[in-house]
């Protein structure tokens, strides 16, 4: 190699002027992709927490609206569905949260050891109306309201995210009596 070309080659190899810009151009798309996915996964987790909170708020609203009335609440509490719908819409997800099909529901549970055992569902009352099926005939079944909600989630960076659009669900139960 002639001396002039060797000198040019050494200067080219030793120079780092464009290296940083080249490395930056290679790394930035990966960092942006990771950042977009971080945002979408964070929003997905946040939406699930808000959805669970909406279900809990709906169950508490059912308790507030129906504890003074007769049981079963689904047939004796006139404002049940309206109270639940208002409560589930008061989260930051707003009116996008909807009651799932068949909700609110009513279930009768009896204590069985350290857990609850379902003894009947509305409209069928437990017969006999005691907790004999759960092993304690001297207790009366508890009347529980169940709330199931749903929400359609769409990622903020659709097309660039690993998170896909989906219908999410949340649920809560509350003892009424």
N, C-alpha and C. Protein backbone atom coordinates (compact mmCIF):
# COMPACT_ATOMS: atom_id res chain seq x y z
N UNK A 1 0.86 -1.16 0.00
CA UNK A 1 0.00 0.00 0.00
C UNK A 1 0.92 1.23 0.00
N UNK A 2 0.67 2.18 -0.89
CA UNK A 2 1.49 3.40 -0.94
C UNK A 2 1.35 4.17 0.37
N UNK A 3 2.38 4.95 0.71
CA UNK A 3 2.39 5.67 2.00
C UNK A 3 1.21 6.63 2.16
N UNK A 4 0.82 7.27 1.10
CA UNK A 4 -0.29 8.22 1.20
C UNK A 4 -1.60 7.52 1.54
N UNK A 5 -1.87 6.40 0.90
CA UNK A 5 -3.08 5.63 1.17
C UNK A 5 -3.02 5.03 2.58
N UNK A 6 -1.88 4.60 3.03
CA UNK A 6 -1.74 4.04 4.38
C UNK A 6 -2.05 5.10 5.43
N UNK A 7 -1.56 6.33 5.19
CA UNK A 7 -1.82 7.42 6.13
C UNK A 7 -3.32 7.72 6.17
N UNK A 8 -3.96 7.77 5.04
CA UNK A 8 -5.40 8.02 4.98
C UNK A 8 -6.17 6.91 5.69
N UNK A 9 -5.78 5.67 5.47
CA UNK A 9 -6.43 4.53 6.10
C UNK A 9 -6.27 4.60 7.62
N UNK A 10 -5.07 4.95 8.12
CA UNK A 10 -4.85 5.08 9.56
C UNK A 10 -5.72 6.18 10.15
N UNK A 11 -5.83 7.32 9.48
CA UNK A 11 -6.67 8.41 9.96
C UNK A 11 -8.14 8.00 9.99
N UNK A 12 -8.57 7.28 9.00
CA UNK A 12 -9.95 6.82 8.93
C UNK A 12 -10.26 5.85 10.07
N UNK A 13 -9.35 4.91 10.31
CA UNK A 13 -9.56 3.92 11.36
C UNK A 13 -9.50 4.57 12.74
N UNK A 14 -8.62 5.51 12.94
CA UNK A 14 -8.44 6.15 14.24
C UNK A 14 -9.51 7.21 14.54
N UNK A 15 -10.18 7.71 13.52
CA UNK A 15 -11.18 8.74 13.72
C UNK A 15 -12.47 8.13 14.26
N UNK A 16 -13.09 8.78 15.25
CA UNK A 16 -14.34 8.31 15.84
C UNK A 16 -15.45 9.33 15.65
N UNK A 17 -15.31 10.23 14.72
CA UNK A 17 -16.27 11.32 14.55
C UNK A 17 -17.68 10.81 14.23
N UNK A 18 -17.83 9.83 13.42
CA UNK A 18 -19.16 9.35 13.06
C UNK A 18 -19.61 8.14 13.83
N UNK A 19 -18.78 7.60 14.67
CA UNK A 19 -19.10 6.37 15.40
C UNK A 19 -20.26 6.58 16.36
N UNK A 20 -20.23 7.66 17.11
CA UNK A 20 -21.28 7.91 18.10
C UNK A 20 -22.63 8.08 17.41
N UNK A 21 -22.64 8.82 16.33
CA UNK A 21 -23.89 9.03 15.60
C UNK A 21 -24.41 7.72 15.02
N UNK A 22 -23.52 6.88 14.55
CA UNK A 22 -23.92 5.58 13.99
C UNK A 22 -24.48 4.68 15.09
N UNK A 23 -23.79 4.61 16.21
CA UNK A 23 -24.28 3.79 17.32
C UNK A 23 -25.62 4.30 17.84
N UNK A 24 -25.76 5.62 17.92
CA UNK A 24 -27.02 6.22 18.36
C UNK A 24 -28.15 5.84 17.41
N UNK A 25 -27.89 5.89 16.12
CA UNK A 25 -28.90 5.54 15.12
C UNK A 25 -29.30 4.08 15.19
N UNK A 26 -28.39 3.23 15.63
CA UNK A 26 -28.70 1.80 15.75
C UNK A 26 -29.48 1.52 17.03
N UNK A 27 -29.13 2.16 18.12
CA UNK A 27 -29.71 1.86 19.43
C UNK A 27 -31.06 2.54 19.66
N UNK A 28 -31.26 3.75 19.17
CA UNK A 28 -32.48 4.52 19.46
C UNK A 28 -33.76 3.79 19.07
N UNK A 29 -33.88 3.16 17.91
CA UNK A 29 -35.14 2.47 17.60
C UNK A 29 -35.49 1.40 18.63
N UNK A 30 -34.51 0.69 19.14
CA UNK A 30 -34.78 -0.32 20.17
C UNK A 30 -35.24 0.34 21.47
N UNK A 31 -34.62 1.43 21.84
CA UNK A 31 -35.02 2.13 23.05
C UNK A 31 -36.43 2.70 22.93
N UNK A 32 -36.75 3.25 21.78
CA UNK A 32 -38.10 3.79 21.55
C UNK A 32 -39.13 2.66 21.60
N UNK A 33 -38.81 1.53 20.99
CA UNK A 33 -39.70 0.37 21.02
C UNK A 33 -39.93 -0.08 22.47
N UNK A 34 -38.87 -0.16 23.26
CA UNK A 34 -39.00 -0.54 24.67
C UNK A 34 -39.82 0.48 25.45
N UNK A 35 -39.60 1.74 25.20
CA UNK A 35 -40.34 2.79 25.89
C UNK A 35 -41.83 2.73 25.55
N UNK A 36 -42.17 2.57 24.28
CA UNK A 36 -43.58 2.46 23.88
C UNK A 36 -44.24 1.27 24.55
N UNK A 37 -43.55 0.14 24.61
CA UNK A 37 -44.13 -1.04 25.24
C UNK A 37 -44.25 -0.87 26.75
N UNK A 38 -43.30 -0.18 27.34
CA UNK A 38 -43.39 0.11 28.77
C UNK A 38 -44.63 0.95 29.06
N UNK A 39 -44.88 1.94 28.26
CA UNK A 39 -46.07 2.78 28.43
C UNK A 39 -47.33 1.96 28.25
N UNK A 40 -47.41 1.14 27.21
CA UNK A 40 -48.62 0.35 26.97
C UNK A 40 -48.86 -0.70 28.06
N UNK A 41 -47.82 -1.37 28.52
CA UNK A 41 -47.99 -2.35 29.60
C UNK A 41 -48.41 -1.65 30.89
N UNK A 42 -47.87 -0.47 31.15
CA UNK A 42 -48.26 0.29 32.34
C UNK A 42 -49.72 0.69 32.26
N UNK A 43 -50.16 1.16 31.11
CA UNK A 43 -51.56 1.54 30.93
C UNK A 43 -52.49 0.33 31.04
N UNK A 44 -52.04 -0.83 30.57
CA UNK A 44 -52.83 -2.06 30.68
C UNK A 44 -53.01 -2.45 32.15
N UNK A 45 -51.95 -2.41 32.92
CA UNK A 45 -52.02 -2.76 34.34
C UNK A 45 -52.88 -1.74 35.08
N UNK A 46 -52.71 -0.47 34.77
CA UNK A 46 -53.52 0.56 35.39
C UNK A 46 -55.01 0.36 35.08
N UNK A 47 -55.33 0.03 33.83
CA UNK A 47 -56.73 -0.19 33.44
C UNK A 47 -57.32 -1.37 34.20
N UNK A 48 -56.54 -2.43 34.41
CA UNK A 48 -57.04 -3.58 35.15
C UNK A 48 -57.32 -3.21 36.61
N UNK A 49 -56.44 -2.42 37.20
CA UNK A 49 -56.67 -1.97 38.58
C UNK A 49 -57.92 -1.09 38.67
N UNK A 50 -58.10 -0.20 37.72
CA UNK A 50 -59.29 0.65 37.70
C UNK A 50 -60.56 -0.18 37.49
N UNK A 51 -60.47 -1.20 36.67
CA UNK A 51 -61.62 -2.07 36.42
C UNK A 51 -62.00 -2.85 37.67
N UNK A 52 -61.01 -3.38 38.38
CA UNK A 52 -61.29 -4.06 39.65
C UNK A 52 -61.89 -3.10 40.66
N UNK A 53 -61.37 -1.87 40.69
CA UNK A 53 -61.91 -0.85 41.59
C UNK A 53 -63.36 -0.53 41.22
N UNK A 54 -63.67 -0.45 39.93
CA UNK A 54 -65.05 -0.18 39.49
C UNK A 54 -65.99 -1.29 39.97
N UNK A 55 -65.55 -2.55 39.88
CA UNK A 55 -66.38 -3.66 40.35
C UNK A 55 -66.60 -3.55 41.87
N UNK A 56 -65.56 -3.21 42.60
CA UNK A 56 -65.70 -3.04 44.05
C UNK A 56 -66.65 -1.90 44.39
N UNK A 57 -66.54 -0.80 43.66
CA UNK A 57 -67.44 0.34 43.89
C UNK A 57 -68.88 -0.04 43.57
N UNK A 58 -69.09 -0.85 42.53
CA UNK A 58 -70.43 -1.31 42.20
C UNK A 58 -71.01 -2.20 43.30
N UNK A 59 -70.17 -3.07 43.87
CA UNK A 59 -70.63 -3.94 44.96
C UNK A 59 -70.96 -3.12 46.20
N UNK A 60 -70.15 -2.11 46.50
CA UNK A 60 -70.44 -1.25 47.65
C UNK A 60 -71.71 -0.44 47.43
N UNK A 61 -71.94 -0.01 46.19
CA UNK A 61 -73.17 0.73 45.89
C UNK A 61 -74.39 -0.18 46.05
N UNK A 62 -74.26 -1.44 45.67
CA UNK A 62 -75.35 -2.40 45.85
C UNK A 62 -75.64 -2.58 47.34
N UNK A 63 -74.58 -2.66 48.13
CA UNK A 63 -74.75 -2.79 49.58
C UNK A 63 -75.47 -1.56 50.14
N UNK A 64 -75.04 -0.38 49.74
CA UNK A 64 -75.66 0.85 50.24
C UNK A 64 -77.12 0.97 49.82
N UNK A 65 -77.43 0.55 48.61
CA UNK A 65 -78.79 0.71 48.09
C UNK A 65 -79.75 -0.36 48.59
N UNK A 66 -79.24 -1.54 48.97
CA UNK A 66 -80.14 -2.66 49.19
C UNK A 66 -80.11 -3.30 50.57
N UNK A 67 -79.29 -2.87 51.49
CA UNK A 67 -79.23 -3.57 52.78
C UNK A 67 -80.48 -3.36 53.61
N UNK A 68 -81.18 -2.26 53.45
CA UNK A 68 -82.39 -2.02 54.26
C UNK A 68 -83.62 -2.73 53.72
N UNK A 69 -83.57 -3.18 52.48
CA UNK A 69 -84.73 -3.81 51.86
C UNK A 69 -84.79 -5.30 52.11
N UNK A 70 -85.81 -5.91 51.58
CA UNK A 70 -85.96 -7.35 51.73
C UNK A 70 -85.03 -8.10 50.79
N UNK A 71 -84.81 -9.33 51.15
CA UNK A 71 -83.97 -10.19 50.33
C UNK A 71 -84.89 -11.18 49.62
N UNK A 72 -84.59 -11.61 48.45
CA UNK A 72 -83.40 -11.37 47.65
C UNK A 72 -83.40 -9.97 47.04
N UNK A 73 -82.22 -9.40 46.95
CA UNK A 73 -82.07 -8.02 46.51
C UNK A 73 -82.44 -7.83 45.04
N UNK A 74 -82.18 -8.84 44.21
CA UNK A 74 -82.46 -8.67 42.77
C UNK A 74 -83.94 -8.46 42.50
N UNK A 75 -84.81 -8.97 43.37
CA UNK A 75 -86.24 -8.76 43.13
C UNK A 75 -86.85 -7.74 44.09
N UNK A 76 -86.17 -7.39 45.18
CA UNK A 76 -86.75 -6.49 46.18
C UNK A 76 -86.04 -5.14 46.31
N UNK A 77 -85.03 -4.88 45.51
CA UNK A 77 -84.30 -3.61 45.58
C UNK A 77 -84.44 -2.91 44.22
N UNK A 78 -85.37 -1.97 44.16
CA UNK A 78 -85.70 -1.32 42.88
C UNK A 78 -84.54 -0.54 42.28
N UNK A 79 -83.71 0.09 43.09
CA UNK A 79 -82.65 0.94 42.56
C UNK A 79 -81.30 0.25 42.42
N UNK A 80 -81.27 -1.07 42.48
CA UNK A 80 -80.01 -1.81 42.47
C UNK A 80 -79.18 -1.56 41.21
N UNK A 81 -79.72 -1.83 40.07
CA UNK A 81 -78.95 -1.71 38.82
C UNK A 81 -78.54 -0.27 38.54
N UNK A 82 -79.41 0.68 38.84
CA UNK A 82 -79.07 2.09 38.63
C UNK A 82 -77.92 2.52 39.55
N UNK A 83 -77.96 2.08 40.80
CA UNK A 83 -76.89 2.43 41.75
C UNK A 83 -75.56 1.82 41.32
N UNK A 84 -75.60 0.58 40.87
CA UNK A 84 -74.38 -0.10 40.44
C UNK A 84 -73.83 0.57 39.18
N UNK A 85 -74.67 0.86 38.20
CA UNK A 85 -74.22 1.52 36.97
C UNK A 85 -73.59 2.89 37.26
N UNK A 86 -74.19 3.63 38.16
CA UNK A 86 -73.63 4.94 38.50
C UNK A 86 -72.26 4.77 39.15
N UNK A 87 -72.13 3.81 40.05
CA UNK A 87 -70.87 3.62 40.78
C UNK A 87 -69.74 3.14 39.86
N UNK A 88 -70.04 2.22 38.94
CA UNK A 88 -68.96 1.71 38.08
C UNK A 88 -68.49 2.75 37.07
N UNK A 89 -69.33 3.74 36.81
CA UNK A 89 -68.94 4.79 35.87
C UNK A 89 -68.17 5.93 36.51
N UNK A 90 -67.94 5.86 37.82
CA UNK A 90 -67.27 6.95 38.51
C UNK A 90 -65.77 6.76 38.67
N UNK A 91 -65.22 5.74 38.05
CA UNK A 91 -63.77 5.61 38.06
C UNK A 91 -63.19 6.44 36.92
N UNK A 92 -61.90 6.47 36.80
CA UNK A 92 -61.27 7.26 35.74
C UNK A 92 -61.53 6.67 34.35
N UNK A 93 -61.99 5.42 34.28
CA UNK A 93 -62.33 4.83 32.98
C UNK A 93 -63.70 5.31 32.51
N UNK A 94 -64.48 5.85 33.43
CA UNK A 94 -65.76 6.47 33.10
C UNK A 94 -66.79 5.52 32.52
N UNK A 95 -67.51 6.02 31.54
CA UNK A 95 -68.63 5.26 30.97
C UNK A 95 -68.17 4.10 30.08
N UNK A 96 -66.88 3.93 29.91
CA UNK A 96 -66.39 2.80 29.11
C UNK A 96 -66.48 1.49 29.89
N UNK A 97 -66.66 1.56 31.19
CA UNK A 97 -66.85 0.37 32.01
C UNK A 97 -68.33 0.01 31.95
N UNK A 98 -68.63 -1.24 31.62
CA UNK A 98 -70.02 -1.68 31.52
C UNK A 98 -70.23 -2.92 32.36
N UNK A 99 -71.46 -3.10 32.80
CA UNK A 99 -71.82 -4.32 33.52
C UNK A 99 -71.77 -5.49 32.55
N UNK A 100 -71.19 -6.57 32.99
CA UNK A 100 -71.14 -7.77 32.16
C UNK A 100 -72.52 -8.41 32.12
N UNK A 101 -72.73 -9.23 31.14
CA UNK A 101 -74.00 -9.94 31.00
C UNK A 101 -74.27 -10.79 32.24
N UNK A 102 -75.49 -10.71 32.76
CA UNK A 102 -75.86 -11.48 33.94
C UNK A 102 -75.48 -10.82 35.25
N UNK A 103 -74.99 -9.60 35.19
CA UNK A 103 -74.58 -8.91 36.41
C UNK A 103 -75.55 -7.76 36.65
N UNK A 104 -75.90 -7.46 37.87
CA UNK A 104 -75.50 -8.10 39.11
C UNK A 104 -76.16 -9.45 39.30
N UNK A 105 -75.48 -10.29 40.04
CA UNK A 105 -75.99 -11.61 40.38
C UNK A 105 -76.11 -11.75 41.88
N UNK A 106 -76.84 -12.74 42.32
CA UNK A 106 -77.03 -12.95 43.75
C UNK A 106 -76.73 -14.41 44.07
N UNK A 107 -75.93 -14.61 45.11
CA UNK A 107 -75.48 -15.95 45.49
C UNK A 107 -75.64 -16.09 47.00
N UNK A 108 -76.01 -17.28 47.44
CA UNK A 108 -76.12 -17.56 48.86
C UNK A 108 -74.94 -18.43 49.27
N UNK A 109 -74.19 -17.95 50.26
CA UNK A 109 -73.00 -18.66 50.74
C UNK A 109 -73.16 -19.01 52.20
N UNK A 110 -72.50 -20.10 52.59
CA UNK A 110 -72.41 -20.50 53.99
C UNK A 110 -70.94 -20.68 54.34
N UNK A 111 -70.59 -20.31 55.60
CA UNK A 111 -69.20 -20.57 56.01
C UNK A 111 -68.95 -22.06 56.12
N UNK A 112 -67.82 -22.47 55.62
CA UNK A 112 -67.43 -23.88 55.68
C UNK A 112 -65.94 -23.92 55.99
N UNK A 113 -65.61 -24.13 57.25
CA UNK A 113 -64.21 -24.06 57.65
C UNK A 113 -63.73 -22.63 57.54
N UNK A 114 -62.68 -22.39 56.78
CA UNK A 114 -62.14 -21.05 56.60
C UNK A 114 -62.55 -20.41 55.29
N UNK A 115 -63.52 -20.99 54.60
CA UNK A 115 -63.93 -20.44 53.31
C UNK A 115 -65.45 -20.37 53.22
N UNK A 116 -65.93 -19.92 52.07
CA UNK A 116 -67.37 -19.85 51.83
C UNK A 116 -67.75 -20.92 50.82
N UNK A 117 -68.91 -21.52 51.04
CA UNK A 117 -69.42 -22.54 50.12
C UNK A 117 -70.76 -22.05 49.58
N UNK A 118 -70.88 -22.05 48.26
CA UNK A 118 -72.12 -21.64 47.61
C UNK A 118 -73.19 -22.71 47.86
N UNK A 119 -74.35 -22.26 48.36
CA UNK A 119 -75.44 -23.21 48.61
C UNK A 119 -76.62 -22.99 47.66
N UNK A 120 -76.66 -21.85 46.97
CA UNK A 120 -77.74 -21.61 46.02
C UNK A 120 -77.46 -20.29 45.28
N UNK A 121 -78.12 -20.12 44.15
CA UNK A 121 -78.04 -18.85 43.41
C UNK A 121 -79.46 -18.36 43.15
N UNK A 122 -79.58 -17.05 42.97
CA UNK A 122 -80.87 -16.44 42.69
C UNK A 122 -81.40 -16.97 41.38
N UNK A 123 -82.66 -17.25 41.23
CA UNK A 123 -83.79 -16.99 42.10
C UNK A 123 -84.11 -18.12 43.07
N UNK A 124 -83.34 -19.20 43.09
CA UNK A 124 -83.62 -20.33 43.95
C UNK A 124 -83.03 -20.10 45.33
N UNK A 125 -83.88 -20.05 46.34
CA UNK A 125 -83.40 -19.91 47.71
C UNK A 125 -82.92 -21.28 48.20
N UNK A 126 -81.96 -21.29 49.14
CA UNK A 126 -81.54 -22.58 49.70
C UNK A 126 -82.73 -23.25 50.39
N UNK A 127 -82.85 -24.53 50.21
CA UNK A 127 -83.94 -25.27 50.84
C UNK A 127 -83.37 -26.51 51.50
N UNK A 128 -83.45 -26.64 52.80
CA UNK A 128 -84.02 -25.69 53.75
C UNK A 128 -83.13 -24.45 53.85
N UNK A 129 -83.72 -23.37 54.37
CA UNK A 129 -83.00 -22.10 54.43
C UNK A 129 -82.07 -22.10 55.64
N UNK A 130 -81.02 -22.93 55.53
CA UNK A 130 -79.98 -22.96 56.56
C UNK A 130 -78.69 -23.43 55.90
N UNK A 131 -77.64 -23.55 56.68
CA UNK A 131 -76.33 -23.94 56.16
C UNK A 131 -76.03 -25.42 56.38
N UNK A 132 -77.07 -26.22 56.41
CA UNK A 132 -76.88 -27.66 56.59
C UNK A 132 -76.03 -28.27 55.50
N UNK A 133 -76.15 -27.79 54.27
CA UNK A 133 -75.36 -28.32 53.16
C UNK A 133 -73.87 -28.04 53.35
N UNK A 134 -73.54 -27.02 54.14
CA UNK A 134 -72.14 -26.69 54.40
C UNK A 134 -71.67 -27.24 55.74
N UNK A 135 -72.55 -27.98 56.44
CA UNK A 135 -72.15 -28.62 57.68
C UNK A 135 -72.52 -27.89 58.95
N UNK A 136 -73.35 -26.83 58.86
CA UNK A 136 -73.73 -26.12 60.07
C UNK A 136 -75.18 -25.66 59.93
N UNK A 137 -76.12 -26.53 60.27
CA UNK A 137 -77.54 -26.26 60.08
C UNK A 137 -78.06 -25.16 61.00
N UNK A 138 -77.30 -24.76 62.00
CA UNK A 138 -77.77 -23.73 62.93
C UNK A 138 -77.53 -22.32 62.37
N UNK A 139 -76.78 -22.16 61.30
CA UNK A 139 -76.53 -20.85 60.70
C UNK A 139 -77.40 -20.64 59.47
N UNK A 140 -77.68 -19.35 59.21
CA UNK A 140 -78.43 -18.99 58.01
C UNK A 140 -77.45 -18.60 56.91
N UNK A 141 -77.80 -18.89 55.65
CA UNK A 141 -76.91 -18.50 54.55
C UNK A 141 -76.81 -16.98 54.42
N UNK A 142 -75.63 -16.52 54.01
CA UNK A 142 -75.43 -15.11 53.73
C UNK A 142 -75.84 -14.80 52.31
N UNK A 143 -76.47 -13.64 52.14
CA UNK A 143 -76.91 -13.20 50.82
C UNK A 143 -75.84 -12.28 50.24
N UNK A 144 -75.22 -12.68 49.13
CA UNK A 144 -74.12 -11.93 48.52
C UNK A 144 -74.52 -11.45 47.14
N UNK A 145 -74.09 -10.24 46.81
CA UNK A 145 -74.31 -9.70 45.47
C UNK A 145 -72.98 -9.79 44.72
N UNK A 146 -73.03 -10.21 43.47
CA UNK A 146 -71.80 -10.28 42.67
C UNK A 146 -71.92 -9.29 41.51
N UNK A 147 -70.82 -8.58 41.29
CA UNK A 147 -70.76 -7.58 40.23
C UNK A 147 -69.63 -7.96 39.28
N UNK A 148 -69.94 -8.05 38.01
CA UNK A 148 -68.93 -8.32 36.97
C UNK A 148 -68.97 -7.16 35.98
N UNK A 149 -67.81 -6.63 35.66
CA UNK A 149 -67.71 -5.49 34.75
C UNK A 149 -66.73 -5.81 33.63
N UNK A 150 -66.84 -5.07 32.53
CA UNK A 150 -65.91 -5.27 31.42
C UNK A 150 -65.51 -3.91 30.84
N UNK A 151 -64.39 -3.94 30.12
CA UNK A 151 -63.81 -2.73 29.54
C UNK A 151 -63.01 -3.13 28.31
N UNK A 152 -63.18 -2.39 27.23
CA UNK A 152 -62.42 -2.66 26.00
C UNK A 152 -61.16 -1.82 26.01
N UNK A 153 -60.03 -2.48 26.10
CA UNK A 153 -58.73 -1.80 26.16
C UNK A 153 -58.12 -1.74 24.76
N UNK A 154 -57.60 -0.58 24.41
CA UNK A 154 -56.85 -0.42 23.16
C UNK A 154 -55.50 0.19 23.51
N UNK A 155 -54.41 -0.39 23.02
CA UNK A 155 -53.09 0.16 23.35
C UNK A 155 -52.91 1.57 22.79
N UNK A 156 -52.15 2.36 23.51
CA UNK A 156 -51.89 3.74 23.12
C UNK A 156 -51.05 3.80 21.85
N UNK A 157 -50.08 2.90 21.74
CA UNK A 157 -49.20 2.84 20.56
C UNK A 157 -49.54 1.60 19.75
N UNK A 158 -50.75 1.55 19.24
CA UNK A 158 -51.21 0.40 18.47
C UNK A 158 -50.33 0.21 17.24
N UNK A 159 -49.90 -1.00 17.00
CA UNK A 159 -49.03 -1.30 15.87
C UNK A 159 -47.56 -1.32 16.25
N UNK A 160 -47.17 -0.57 17.27
CA UNK A 160 -45.79 -0.56 17.73
C UNK A 160 -45.63 -1.31 19.04
N UNK A 161 -46.74 -1.78 19.58
CA UNK A 161 -46.73 -2.37 20.91
C UNK A 161 -46.94 -3.88 20.86
N UNK A 162 -46.40 -4.55 21.84
CA UNK A 162 -46.66 -5.98 22.00
C UNK A 162 -48.00 -6.23 22.67
N UNK A 163 -48.59 -5.19 23.25
CA UNK A 163 -49.90 -5.29 23.88
C UNK A 163 -50.96 -5.20 22.79
N UNK A 164 -51.92 -6.11 22.83
CA UNK A 164 -52.98 -6.09 21.83
C UNK A 164 -54.28 -5.58 22.45
N UNK A 165 -55.19 -5.15 21.61
CA UNK A 165 -56.50 -4.73 22.08
C UNK A 165 -57.22 -5.94 22.66
N UNK A 166 -57.95 -5.71 23.72
CA UNK A 166 -58.63 -6.83 24.39
C UNK A 166 -59.80 -6.32 25.22
N UNK A 167 -60.71 -7.23 25.53
CA UNK A 167 -61.78 -6.93 26.47
C UNK A 167 -61.36 -7.47 27.82
N UNK A 168 -61.29 -6.57 28.79
CA UNK A 168 -60.85 -6.94 30.14
C UNK A 168 -62.07 -7.09 31.03
N UNK A 169 -61.91 -7.86 32.10
CA UNK A 169 -63.04 -8.03 33.03
C UNK A 169 -62.55 -7.93 34.47
N UNK A 170 -63.48 -7.55 35.32
CA UNK A 170 -63.22 -7.45 36.75
C UNK A 170 -64.46 -7.91 37.49
N UNK A 171 -64.31 -8.35 38.73
CA UNK A 171 -65.43 -8.84 39.50
C UNK A 171 -65.24 -8.57 40.98
N UNK A 172 -66.36 -8.47 41.68
CA UNK A 172 -66.33 -8.29 43.13
C UNK A 172 -67.61 -8.86 43.71
N UNK A 173 -67.56 -9.29 44.97
CA UNK A 173 -68.78 -9.73 45.67
C UNK A 173 -68.85 -8.97 46.98
N UNK A 174 -70.08 -8.81 47.46
CA UNK A 174 -70.33 -8.09 48.72
C UNK A 174 -71.48 -8.76 49.44
N UNK A 175 -71.31 -9.00 50.72
CA UNK A 175 -72.40 -9.57 51.50
C UNK A 175 -73.43 -8.50 51.79
N UNK A 176 -74.69 -8.82 51.52
CA UNK A 176 -75.78 -7.88 51.77
C UNK A 176 -76.43 -8.16 53.12
N UNK A 177 -76.63 -9.41 53.42
CA UNK A 177 -77.32 -9.78 54.66
C UNK A 177 -76.83 -11.11 55.15
